[in-house]
Amino acid sequence: MSPYLAEFVGTAILITLGGGVVAGSNLKNSYSEKSGWLAICVCWGLAVTFAIYAVGNISGAHINPAVTLGFAIAGDFPWNAVPGYIVAQVLGAMTGATLIWVFYKPHWRHTSNTAAKLGVFCTSPAERSLPNNLASELIATFFLMLGLSYIGENNFADGLNPIVIGALITIIGLGLGGTTGFAINPARDFGPRLMHAVLPISGKGGSDWAYAWVPIAGPIIGGMTGTLFFKAFFAGVWSYWFWIFMLLSLAIIIYAACYKQPTRESVS
């Protein structure tokens, strides 16, 4: 299997299993209806674990453009392989989302909540404040890449790494996922959002494209910053990219901290 096909398969596994638990929780007449945030976070972590077991020895199981770009900018992954990896990841995410639609097909028509249906495919903010939502995704993905870098520096028993990484995803979801649903993965959000837009889902609403840039930009900036931060402070490798992304991330976070959400009256 080629690394590109492996990224496709790994991302499809991730979205099928991760999106499946959200569908089971959100859609009506499912045995797991209302299973809750804890179940969702744990199962997304396990989905990452099993995707890594499936293709980690072939492609490294990035299954996330933020991971691919983070490793590339740090010099740990060749730039000429980046476009192919990202295309494979997005296509895999689209495939996984389509499988979830088919799997739960009888349940869509029983669910009237359009936001719940959209949530099966992609993320949305609990409180819509784009600067704060962007900062949330940035910070969460910063810790994802910092954690992956830490894990890579430690020696575990054979086969244990995917479990540790799955635990990292779970704790990020529980600790940092409550604001935006912790996309932390542009392919995980964009691919399924695209399928939500094109699939004939019974009673669906809009795909919220006005928000779609946040779970793309936030994870990319945060992922690159996290990897460069690790390289600078823990590996002693400083670069001008570190300063660029560090200053950009700090500017976004400071702006989010100072941002005042318009009142409903002023918006109207």
Foldseek 3Di string as FASTA:
>chain_A
DALLLLLLQLLLQLLLQLLLLLCLCLFPPRPCHVVDLLVNLLRSLVSQLVSCVRPCVHNVNPLFLLSVLQCVVVPNHPPVCSVSSVVSSLNSLLNNLVVSCVVCVVRLQVHQDQVSVLVSQAKAFPDDDLLLLLLLLLQLLLQLLLVVVVLVVDDDPPSCSSNVSSVSSSCSCVPRCNGINRPLGLSSHPSSLVNLCPPPGPNHDHSPPVNSVSNVVSNNLSSNQNSQVCCCPPVVDHDVVNVVSVVVSVVSVVCSVVDDDDDPVVVD
